[in-house]
Every structure is written in structure tokens, then in C-alpha cells.
Amino acid sequence: MRYNQLHPLKSAREKRNLTQQMLADFTQMSKATVNRAERGEPISAENRRRICEFFGKSSEELGLVSNSSQLNNIDTAMLSDDGVEDDMNRRQVLQRLGLAGIATVLGTHELLSDEPWKRLSKALSRSVYVDDMTLQHLQAITKSYWYLRASVASQELLSGVLGHLSTVSEMLPTATGSTNRGRLYSIAGEVALIAGQMAFDMGDYAAARSYYKTAAETAAEAQDTLLHAVALARSSFTYTESGQLERALILVQRANDVARHTDNGLSRAWIKVIEAEVYANIHDARLAETALVAAEEMYSQRVASEDVYWTGFNASRLAGYKGICLVRLAKPDEGLVSLEQSLKLMETGALRRRPRILTDMAFAHVQRREIEEACRLASEALTTSRASGNTMVISRLDKLHHALKPWRASAAVRDFDEQLLLA
């Protein structure tokens, strides 16, 4: 390749208006790896796979290999992001598991105390035998946090989840046996996923992304395809909520690609409606409606699919997603029909979901210029969200507040504004 010729990978990246850091984030690797690849330097087989999946092209098309002999040489080297062997890459995953996300939530002071570092150091210096019974207990503890999250505010649970994450992380470096090690990685990824959910509930999207990224990386290590797909889809939520829709779309499309390798129809349908919502947010009615139809078909054809990673996806949620998509596409009448259906089908005690549906209904009534009803629903959503500790709804209600500005002189809007100020 001539020096003045643009590298194929760089060309593909720039066509999507991505920086090197954005591509690194979306493919779960370092910016340094992307930089090396665009300079024509060798990268690991795993990183080549991620880049090729992301762009839907071959290694040759992206200039990652020049011929089959070069490919074989790189496969043998098994270089990681930092050019060292794969075992070191596993340690970096472990470090992110135990430290990176926790730093975002707890702050630097807590992490720099001696005790956690000493515990981790001791763990690295001894062998831990993880038998089936130990794994069963760890899995039971993990599942208990899913149950607790349904009724206890995330702020109150997060410290316990992080403690559990630390416990599992300490076992990872020296656990013996490939089967048990893989199961332990899967458990660790699920705990990171829960921590991400709780950070998301609290409105800390940066922390949530850190946990979701950890969950995705650990799932890949465990070859847990379903967990990998769910973590990517969850991560897309953080960008949707913060208005970074291009990033949200890239992540949810990647989640769809990964999910195709699973037979879990329930989770695949859930990921598809997430994609539909992103398209609705960018006002692409055709693609949003196409994704909704596909999701409904997947959901109707699901066969005994277990909700392994607690997406909570059911008929009520499907109707809810359809409703908010229609509202985003300026079809409030149709949207309200679906949102009301979602409420009717909603399971008893769904404290977190009810205020979100009420808020979406309020947006529909704003479009219909039914301001008093919009404010009534918004006030009810605000009251319910306080009871569940769901601060994410407050963010949505702030957006509703802006949508109500043309009617800010009305008594209903003034009353709602006062309530929102106290939230």
C-alpha cells in the first residue's frame, strides 16, 4: 500500500463519521488497537473478528490482512490490545470487572484504600478451587439481586452488588478447570450487568456504560452469546436516553447481529423493539415500523424462551414499546391505544415500569394538546417514580417539562412545574 493511500479501515470508519475512539468503544477494544490496525500493523484474531462484524466486511476488504500466510502468523501470535499474550488480556478484563466501573460509582477514594488492593493481591497469589456447589451459591446470590431490584431502590442495593462483584472477581484469576472458569466468567458478567442496570436506574449513564462494557467483554470470554447481546442492547439505552442516537443505533444493531447466534426468541424480540425505538427517535417511520413488525413476529414465534438475563420482555412491554414508537412518530392516537394496552397487561407490582408508561402517555396527550390530562399523568408518574426510586423517569419528565413550555402560563403546567422542582 502506498503511503498516500487511505487505509481501507480508516476509509470505512470515516464513511460512518466515527472517530477512532468511537470505533474502539463500539467494538470493545482500545483506541491504540484501532490506531495500529489503520497503520497496517498486526492485531489479534479476536479484534479482527470484532471489526469485521461491525462493518460487515472481510479482513481483506478492511486491510487487516494482506494474505492467508499473514493471517496464520497473526493467529499464532494471539496479540491482545497491548501487544502481549492473551492471558494478560484476561487480567485486564478482570481489572475492569473489579475496579473500572466501581471507580465511577464510588469514587477514587474508596478504591485507593489498602484493603481492596490487598484482597486482590492475595487472590492473585493463591489457587482457588471453584466447584459446582460454589458456582450454584454464587449464581443464587446473583439471581437474588434481580428479584430485589424489583422492589428495592437501586441506590440501596448497589453497594451489595458491588461487593458481590468484588467477590466473584477475586476468584477469576486463579479458578481452575475450563468449564468452571467459563461459568464463573458468565456469573461475573451477569453481576456487572446488574450493576449497570442499577447505575442506569440512578441516571448515571457513564457508570452504566462501564458496567455494560465489562459485562459484554466477560460474556465474550465465557462464550455466553446471549449475555453478550443483552449487554450490548442495554448499553444502547444509555445513548438513547442521552440523545446520542447514532451510537445507540450502532450498538443495538451489533446486539442484533450477536443475538442471531442464539435461539432465544424472547430476547431477540426485545432487542428488535429497542432498535425500533431508536429508529422512531430519529423519525425514520419505515424502519421503525419494519422493526416493530419483526419484533411482533419473533415474539409470537418464541418457543419456551427463558428470560435468562431479566429483560422483563412480555406482551405488556411489547405494547409499551410500540406505543412510544408511535408517539415519537407523531401518531398519538394510535400510540395511546398501545400504551393503554400496556397498562392493562402490566404485571402487578411493576413499580418501575408504570411511571414510564404514564410519562409516555403524557407526551401523547401533549401532542393532542390535552394539557390538563398530560399534567395529571405526569404528576402521577412523578409520585410513582419516587416510591420506586426510579430517577430515570425524572429525566423523561424534564423533557416533558420542555414540551409543555407553550402552555407554561396554565394552572396545570404551573402545578406540575412546582412538583418537578421538589423531585
Protein backbone atom coordinates (compact mmCIF):
# COMPACT_ATOMS: atom_id res chain seq x y z
CA MET A 1 0.00 0.00 0.00
CA ARG A 2 1.33 3.45 -0.94
CA TYR A 3 1.77 5.86 1.95
CA ASN A 4 -0.59 8.41 0.37
CA GLN A 5 -3.36 5.84 0.01
CA LEU A 6 -6.07 5.87 2.69
CA HIS A 7 -6.15 2.65 4.71
CA PRO A 8 -9.37 0.67 3.99
CA LEU A 9 -10.27 0.53 7.69
CA LYS A 10 -9.83 4.28 8.08
CA SER A 11 -11.91 4.85 4.95
CA ALA A 12 -14.71 2.62 6.28
CA ARG A 13 -14.59 4.37 9.66
CA GLU A 14 -14.71 7.87 8.21
CA LYS A 15 -17.64 6.98 5.94
CA ARG A 16 -19.63 6.39 9.14
CA ASN A 17 -18.35 9.62 10.69
CA LEU A 18 -16.68 7.74 13.53
CA THR A 19 -13.57 8.72 15.46
CA GLN A 20 -11.04 6.06 16.40
CA GLN A 21 -12.28 6.25 20.00
CA MET A 22 -15.90 5.74 18.95
CA LEU A 23 -14.96 2.67 16.88
CA ALA A 24 -12.94 1.35 19.84
CA ASP A 25 -15.94 1.79 22.15
CA PHE A 26 -18.37 0.08 19.80
CA THR A 27 -16.08 -2.92 19.23
CA GLN A 28 -14.90 -3.23 22.85
CA MET A 29 -11.21 -2.68 22.23
CA SER A 30 -8.67 0.07 22.84
CA LYS A 31 -8.13 3.14 20.67
CA ALA A 32 -4.47 2.04 20.37
CA THR A 33 -5.62 -1.17 18.65
CA VAL A 34 -7.66 0.77 16.09
CA ASN A 35 -4.71 3.07 15.50
CA ARG A 36 -2.35 0.11 14.93
CA ALA A 37 -4.80 -1.51 12.54
CA GLU A 38 -5.09 1.67 10.47
CA ARG A 39 -1.28 1.83 10.28
CA GLY A 40 -1.27 -1.68 8.84
CA GLU A 41 0.22 -3.27 11.96
CA PRO A 42 -0.96 -6.74 13.10
CA ILE A 43 -3.78 -7.09 15.64
CA SER A 44 -5.26 -10.20 17.25
CA ALA A 45 -7.68 -12.56 15.53
CA GLU A 46 -10.38 -11.65 18.04
CA ASN A 47 -10.02 -7.93 17.35
CA ARG A 48 -10.10 -8.56 13.61
CA ARG A 49 -13.32 -10.53 14.09
CA ARG A 50 -14.93 -7.68 16.04
CA ILE A 51 -14.01 -5.08 13.42
CA CYS A 52 -15.21 -7.29 10.55
CA GLU A 53 -18.53 -7.98 12.29
CA PHE A 54 -19.02 -4.28 12.95
CA PHE A 55 -18.53 -3.24 9.30
CA GLY A 56 -19.90 -6.43 7.73
CA LYS A 57 -16.73 -6.86 5.67
CA SER A 58 -13.86 -9.32 5.46
CA SER A 59 -10.37 -8.82 6.90
CA GLU A 60 -9.01 -8.45 3.36
CA GLU A 61 -11.57 -5.77 2.45
CA LEU A 62 -10.67 -3.77 5.57
CA GLY A 63 -6.93 -4.15 5.02
CA LEU A 64 -6.44 -6.09 8.25
CA VAL A 65 -4.56 -8.89 6.47
CA SER A 66 -2.87 -8.98 3.10
CA ASN A 67 -2.83 -12.73 2.50
CA SER A 68 -3.55 -16.05 4.16
CA SER A 69 0.04 -16.59 5.37
CA GLN A 70 -0.05 -13.27 7.21
CA LEU A 71 -3.38 -14.30 8.72
CA ASN A 72 -1.90 -17.54 10.02
CA ASN A 73 1.08 -15.74 11.51
CA ILE A 74 -1.13 -13.28 13.38
CA ASP A 75 -3.40 -16.09 14.62
CA THR A 76 -0.38 -17.81 16.11
CA ALA A 77 0.78 -14.64 17.83
CA MET A 78 -2.62 -14.07 19.53
CA LEU A 79 -1.79 -10.47 20.36
CA SER A 80 -4.03 -8.52 22.69
CA ASP A 81 -4.81 -4.80 22.62
CA ASP A 82 -1.44 -4.00 24.14
CA GLY A 83 0.59 -6.44 22.05
CA VAL A 84 1.05 -9.01 24.81
CA GLU A 85 -0.33 -12.50 25.09
CA ASP A 86 -3.98 -13.31 25.68
CA ASP A 87 -3.53 -14.22 29.35
CA MET A 88 -2.67 -10.60 30.10
CA ASN A 89 -5.81 -9.51 28.25
CA ARG A 90 -7.84 -11.67 30.64
CA ARG A 91 -6.26 -9.88 33.57
CA GLN A 92 -7.26 -6.55 32.05
CA VAL A 93 -10.85 -7.79 31.84
CA LEU A 94 -10.59 -8.77 35.48
CA GLN A 95 -9.28 -5.32 36.41
CA ARG A 96 -12.19 -3.70 34.67
CA LEU A 97 -14.55 -6.14 36.38
CA GLY A 98 -13.42 -5.27 39.85
CA LEU A 99 -12.28 -1.70 39.51
CA ALA A 100 -13.20 0.37 36.48
CA GLY A 101 -16.96 0.55 36.91
CA ILE A 102 -16.76 0.76 40.70
CA ALA A 103 -14.49 3.78 40.43
CA THR A 104 -17.17 5.64 38.55
CA VAL A 105 -19.82 4.99 41.18
CA LEU A 106 -17.88 5.02 44.44
CA GLY A 107 -15.14 7.47 43.51
CA THR A 108 -11.37 7.20 43.70
CA HIS A 109 -11.02 7.45 47.48
CA GLU A 110 -12.77 4.15 48.18
CA LEU A 111 -10.72 2.31 45.58
CA LEU A 112 -7.37 3.56 46.82
CA SER A 113 -7.83 2.17 50.33
CA ASP A 114 -5.43 -0.65 51.13
CA GLU A 115 -7.94 -3.35 51.87
CA PRO A 116 -9.39 -3.99 48.38
CA TRP A 117 -5.95 -3.99 46.80
CA LYS A 118 -4.59 -6.33 49.45
CA ARG A 119 -7.51 -8.70 48.95
CA LEU A 120 -6.98 -8.72 45.20
CA SER A 121 -3.23 -9.22 45.61
CA LYS A 122 -3.79 -12.22 47.86
CA ALA A 123 -6.29 -13.66 45.43
CA LEU A 124 -3.77 -13.45 42.60
CA SER A 125 -1.18 -15.32 44.66
CA ARG A 126 -3.28 -18.36 45.58
CA SER A 127 -5.20 -21.03 43.73
CA VAL A 128 -8.94 -21.17 44.18
CA TYR A 129 -10.86 -24.35 43.51
CA VAL A 130 -14.36 -23.45 42.37
CA ASP A 131 -16.63 -26.49 42.49
CA ASP A 132 -20.21 -26.89 41.29
CA MET A 133 -21.68 -26.11 44.69
CA THR A 134 -19.73 -22.84 44.94
CA LEU A 135 -20.92 -21.82 41.49
CA GLN A 136 -24.51 -22.65 42.41
CA HIS A 137 -24.31 -20.45 45.51
CA LEU A 138 -22.76 -17.58 43.55
CA GLN A 139 -25.47 -17.90 40.91
CA ALA A 140 -28.20 -17.93 43.57
CA ILE A 141 -26.82 -14.72 45.10
CA THR A 142 -26.70 -13.14 41.65
CA LYS A 143 -30.32 -14.05 40.91
CA SER A 144 -31.42 -12.70 44.28
CA TYR A 145 -30.33 -9.21 43.23
CA TRP A 146 -32.59 -9.36 40.19
CA TYR A 147 -35.51 -10.16 42.48
CA LEU A 148 -34.56 -7.46 44.98
CA ARG A 149 -34.24 -4.82 42.26
CA ALA A 150 -37.95 -5.24 41.52
CA SER A 151 -38.92 -3.94 44.97
CA VAL A 152 -35.89 -2.11 46.44
CA ALA A 153 -34.40 1.16 45.19
CA SER A 154 -31.17 0.69 43.24
CA GLN A 155 -29.36 3.21 45.44
CA GLU A 156 -29.89 0.90 48.39
CA LEU A 157 -28.75 -2.25 46.58
CA LEU A 158 -25.75 -1.05 44.60
CA SER A 159 -23.17 -1.43 47.38
CA GLY A 160 -24.21 -5.05 47.90
CA VAL A 161 -23.97 -5.80 44.19
CA LEU A 162 -20.51 -4.25 44.01
CA GLY A 163 -19.42 -6.35 46.97
CA HIS A 164 -20.66 -9.46 45.19
CA LEU A 165 -18.86 -8.34 42.03
CA SER A 166 -15.63 -7.98 44.00
CA THR A 167 -16.03 -11.49 45.47
CA VAL A 168 -16.52 -13.08 42.05
CA SER A 169 -13.68 -11.03 40.56
CA GLU A 170 -11.22 -12.27 43.16
CA MET A 171 -11.96 -15.86 42.15
CA LEU A 172 -11.47 -15.30 38.43
CA PRO A 173 -7.67 -15.13 38.01
CA THR A 174 -6.86 -18.47 39.57
CA ALA A 175 -10.02 -20.56 39.18
CA THR A 176 -9.10 -23.96 37.80
CA GLY A 177 -10.92 -26.02 35.18
CA SER A 178 -12.05 -24.55 31.86
CA THR A 179 -15.73 -25.38 32.39
CA ASN A 180 -15.95 -23.86 35.84
CA ARG A 181 -13.88 -20.88 34.74
CA GLY A 182 -16.29 -20.23 31.89
CA ARG A 183 -19.28 -20.45 34.22
CA LEU A 184 -17.57 -18.08 36.65
CA TYR A 185 -16.95 -15.55 33.88
CA SER A 186 -20.61 -15.79 32.92
CA ILE A 187 -21.67 -15.13 36.52
CA ALA A 188 -19.28 -12.19 36.74
CA GLY A 189 -20.71 -10.75 33.53
CA GLU A 190 -24.23 -11.08 34.86
CA VAL A 191 -23.31 -9.28 38.09
CA ALA A 192 -21.74 -6.48 36.03
CA LEU A 193 -24.96 -6.35 34.02
CA ILE A 194 -26.99 -5.91 37.22
CA ALA A 195 -24.64 -3.16 38.41
CA GLY A 196 -25.13 -1.46 35.05
CA GLN A 197 -28.90 -1.68 35.44
CA MET A 198 -28.72 -0.06 38.86
CA ALA A 199 -26.45 2.74 37.65
CA PHE A 200 -28.86 3.26 34.77
CA ASP A 201 -31.80 3.46 37.19
CA MET A 202 -29.89 6.15 39.07
CA GLY A 203 -29.31 8.15 35.88
CA ASP A 204 -25.54 7.60 35.90
CA TYR A 205 -25.14 6.64 32.25
CA ALA A 206 -21.33 6.81 32.25
CA ALA A 207 -21.12 4.25 35.06
CA ALA A 208 -23.77 2.11 33.41
CA ARG A 209 -21.75 2.01 30.18
CA SER A 210 -18.66 0.93 32.09
CA TYR A 211 -20.52 -1.98 33.67
CA TYR A 212 -22.26 -2.97 30.43
CA LYS A 213 -18.95 -2.93 28.57
CA THR A 214 -17.48 -5.16 31.26
CA ALA A 215 -20.47 -7.50 31.00
CA ALA A 216 -20.08 -7.73 27.21
CA GLU A 217 -16.34 -8.42 27.42
CA THR A 218 -16.77 -11.03 30.13
CA ALA A 219 -19.61 -12.68 28.21
CA ALA A 220 -17.34 -12.96 25.17
CA GLU A 221 -14.69 -14.58 27.38
CA ALA A 222 -17.31 -17.04 28.67
CA GLN A 223 -18.69 -17.58 25.13
CA ASP A 224 -22.09 -16.59 26.53
CA THR A 225 -23.64 -15.20 23.35
CA LEU A 226 -26.98 -14.29 24.92
CA LEU A 227 -25.38 -12.29 27.74
CA HIS A 228 -23.15 -10.56 25.20
CA ALA A 229 -26.17 -9.49 23.12
CA VAL A 230 -28.16 -8.32 26.14
CA ALA A 231 -25.23 -6.25 27.47
CA LEU A 232 -24.83 -4.51 24.10
CA ALA A 233 -28.55 -3.77 23.94
CA ARG A 234 -28.55 -2.40 27.49
CA SER A 235 -25.61 -0.17 26.61
CA SER A 236 -27.55 1.28 23.68
CA PHE A 237 -30.18 2.54 26.16
CA THR A 238 -27.63 4.85 27.77
CA TYR A 239 -27.02 6.58 24.44
CA THR A 240 -30.74 6.76 23.59
CA GLU A 241 -31.50 8.44 26.91
CA SER A 242 -28.65 10.94 26.46
CA GLY A 243 -29.70 11.77 22.89
CA GLN A 244 -26.71 10.14 21.15
CA LEU A 245 -28.88 8.21 18.73
CA GLU A 246 -26.19 7.30 16.18
CA ARG A 247 -24.22 5.48 18.86
CA ALA A 248 -27.38 3.85 20.18
CA LEU A 249 -28.22 2.53 16.73
CA ILE A 250 -24.76 1.10 16.12
CA LEU A 251 -24.82 -0.76 19.43
CA VAL A 252 -28.32 -2.17 19.05
CA GLN A 253 -27.54 -3.32 15.52
CA ARG A 254 -24.47 -5.09 16.86
CA ALA A 255 -26.65 -6.64 19.56
CA ASN A 256 -28.99 -7.91 16.84
CA ASP A 257 -26.07 -9.44 14.97
CA VAL A 258 -24.84 -11.25 18.09
CA ALA A 259 -28.36 -12.37 19.05
CA ARG A 260 -28.81 -14.13 15.70
CA HIS A 261 -26.48 -16.82 17.02
CA THR A 262 -28.89 -17.65 19.88
CA ASP A 263 -32.21 -19.49 19.82
CA ASN A 264 -33.79 -17.28 22.48
CA GLY A 265 -36.72 -15.74 20.63
CA LEU A 266 -37.80 -13.66 23.61
CA SER A 267 -34.51 -11.79 23.87
CA ARG A 268 -34.24 -11.39 20.12
CA ALA A 269 -37.71 -9.79 20.02
CA TRP A 270 -36.73 -7.47 22.88
CA ILE A 271 -33.58 -6.31 21.07
CA LYS A 272 -35.61 -5.73 17.91
CA VAL A 273 -38.08 -3.39 19.64
CA ILE A 274 -35.15 -1.46 21.10
CA GLU A 275 -33.95 -0.96 17.54
CA ALA A 276 -37.47 0.16 16.57
CA GLU A 277 -37.44 2.79 19.32
CA VAL A 278 -34.12 4.20 18.11
CA TYR A 279 -35.48 4.48 14.56
CA ALA A 280 -38.60 6.19 15.93
CA ASN A 281 -36.44 8.67 17.81
CA ILE A 282 -34.66 9.62 14.59
CA HIS A 283 -38.10 9.82 12.90
CA ASP A 284 -37.50 7.03 10.40
CA ALA A 285 -41.07 5.69 10.28
CA ARG A 286 -40.39 3.00 7.67
CA LEU A 287 -37.53 1.34 9.51
CA ALA A 288 -39.23 1.73 12.90
CA GLU A 289 -42.40 0.04 11.69
CA THR A 290 -40.42 -2.69 9.93
CA ALA A 291 -38.54 -3.43 13.16
CA LEU A 292 -41.80 -3.47 15.15
CA VAL A 293 -43.37 -5.98 12.76
CA ALA A 294 -40.27 -8.17 13.01
CA ALA A 295 -40.35 -7.96 16.82
CA GLU A 296 -44.02 -8.93 16.98
CA GLU A 297 -43.35 -11.90 14.70
CA MET A 298 -40.35 -13.03 16.79
CA TYR A 299 -42.41 -12.70 19.97
CA SER A 300 -45.34 -14.69 18.55
CA GLN A 301 -43.00 -17.46 17.36
CA ARG A 302 -40.94 -17.76 20.54
CA VAL A 303 -40.76 -21.31 21.84
CA ALA A 304 -40.34 -21.70 25.60
CA SER A 305 -37.70 -18.98 25.70
CA GLU A 306 -36.47 -18.34 29.22
CA ASP A 307 -35.79 -14.74 30.24
CA VAL A 308 -32.30 -15.65 31.39
CA TYR A 309 -30.99 -12.12 31.88
CA TRP A 310 -34.16 -10.46 33.11
CA THR A 311 -35.14 -8.29 30.18
CA GLY A 312 -38.69 -8.47 31.55
CA PHE A 313 -39.97 -8.62 28.00
CA ASN A 314 -43.60 -9.69 27.70
CA ALA A 315 -46.82 -8.68 25.96
CA SER A 316 -47.13 -5.57 28.12
CA ARG A 317 -43.65 -4.37 27.26
CA LEU A 318 -44.13 -5.11 23.58
CA ALA A 319 -47.26 -2.91 23.62
CA GLY A 320 -45.38 -0.24 25.55
CA TYR A 321 -42.52 -0.10 23.05
CA LYS A 322 -45.00 0.02 20.18
CA GLY A 323 -46.85 2.85 21.90
CA ILE A 324 -43.82 5.08 22.48
CA CYS A 325 -42.61 4.45 18.92
CA LEU A 326 -45.95 5.65 17.57
CA VAL A 327 -45.84 8.72 19.83
CA ARG A 328 -42.31 9.54 18.64
CA LEU A 329 -43.61 9.23 15.07
CA ALA A 330 -46.33 11.81 15.86
CA LYS A 331 -49.16 9.26 15.92
CA PRO A 332 -50.53 9.97 19.40
CA ASP A 333 -53.97 8.37 18.93
CA GLU A 334 -52.51 5.01 17.87
CA GLY A 335 -49.78 5.36 20.49
CA LEU A 336 -52.28 5.83 23.32
CA VAL A 337 -54.13 2.66 22.31
CA SER A 338 -50.94 0.63 22.64
CA LEU A 339 -49.84 2.37 25.86
CA GLU A 340 -53.22 1.78 27.50
CA GLN A 341 -52.98 -1.86 26.46
CA SER A 342 -49.55 -2.00 28.07
CA LEU A 343 -51.01 -0.75 31.35
CA LYS A 344 -53.83 -3.32 31.22
CA LEU A 345 -51.39 -6.17 30.61
CA MET A 346 -48.84 -4.95 33.14
CA GLU A 347 -48.00 -7.38 35.91
CA THR A 348 -48.95 -6.46 39.46
CA GLY A 349 -46.22 -4.62 41.33
CA ALA A 350 -44.36 -3.33 38.27
CA LEU A 351 -43.34 -0.19 40.15
CA ARG A 352 -40.57 0.80 37.77
CA ARG A 353 -42.50 0.44 34.53
CA ARG A 354 -45.77 2.14 35.39
CA PRO A 355 -44.33 5.69 35.68
CA ARG A 356 -42.52 5.28 32.36
CA ILE A 357 -45.74 4.30 30.58
CA LEU A 358 -47.61 7.16 32.26
CA THR A 359 -44.92 9.59 31.09
CA ASP A 360 -45.16 8.28 27.52
CA MET A 361 -48.94 8.73 27.67
CA ALA A 362 -48.41 12.30 28.87
CA PHE A 363 -46.29 13.01 25.78
CA ALA A 364 -49.12 11.68 23.60
CA HIS A 365 -51.62 13.99 25.28
CA VAL A 366 -49.28 16.96 24.73
CA GLN A 367 -49.32 16.15 21.01
CA ARG A 368 -53.13 16.13 21.21
CA ARG A 369 -52.98 19.46 23.10
CA GLU A 370 -54.77 17.90 26.06
CA ILE A 371 -52.58 19.69 28.56
CA GLU A 372 -54.51 19.07 31.77
CA GLU A 373 -54.56 15.33 31.15
CA ALA A 374 -50.87 15.37 30.25
CA CYS A 375 -50.05 17.13 33.53
CA ARG A 376 -52.25 14.75 35.53
CA LEU A 377 -50.45 11.72 34.11
CA ALA A 378 -47.06 13.36 34.60
CA SER A 379 -47.85 14.11 38.25
CA GLU A 380 -48.90 10.51 38.81
CA ALA A 381 -45.70 9.30 37.13
CA LEU A 382 -43.65 11.56 39.38
CA THR A 383 -45.31 10.27 42.54
CA THR A 384 -44.91 6.62 41.47
CA SER A 385 -41.26 7.09 40.48
CA ARG A 386 -40.43 8.45 43.92
CA ALA A 387 -41.88 5.30 45.50
CA SER A 388 -39.76 3.04 43.28
CA GLY A 389 -36.56 5.10 43.41
CA ASN A 390 -36.54 5.27 39.60
CA THR A 391 -34.70 8.53 38.94
CA MET A 392 -34.55 7.84 35.19
CA VAL A 393 -38.22 8.82 34.93
CA ILE A 394 -37.31 12.24 36.32
CA SER A 395 -35.10 12.76 33.27
CA ARG A 396 -38.01 11.94 30.98
CA LEU A 397 -40.30 14.24 32.92
CA ASP A 398 -37.76 17.04 32.46
CA LYS A 399 -38.12 16.56 28.71
CA LEU A 400 -41.88 16.66 29.11
CA HIS A 401 -41.49 19.91 31.04
CA HIS A 402 -39.79 21.44 27.98
CA ALA A 403 -42.55 20.16 25.70
CA LEU A 404 -45.09 21.93 27.94
CA LYS A 405 -43.42 25.35 27.67
CA PRO A 406 -46.00 26.80 25.23
CA TRP A 407 -48.62 26.30 27.98
CA ARG A 408 -46.50 27.31 30.96
CA ALA A 409 -48.98 30.01 31.96
CA SER A 410 -51.75 27.45 32.60
CA ALA A 411 -52.52 26.40 36.16
CA ALA A 412 -51.98 22.69 35.35
CA VAL A 413 -48.49 23.28 34.00
CA ARG A 414 -47.54 25.58 36.88
CA ASP A 415 -48.64 22.95 39.40
CA PHE A 416 -46.64 20.25 37.62
CA ASP A 417 -43.55 22.50 37.45
CA GLU A 418 -43.71 23.04 41.20
CA GLN A 419 -43.90 19.28 41.81
CA LEU A 420 -40.97 18.67 39.47
CA LEU A 421 -38.82 21.24 41.30
CA LEU A 422 -39.28 19.27 44.52
CA ALA A 423 -38.27 15.96 42.91
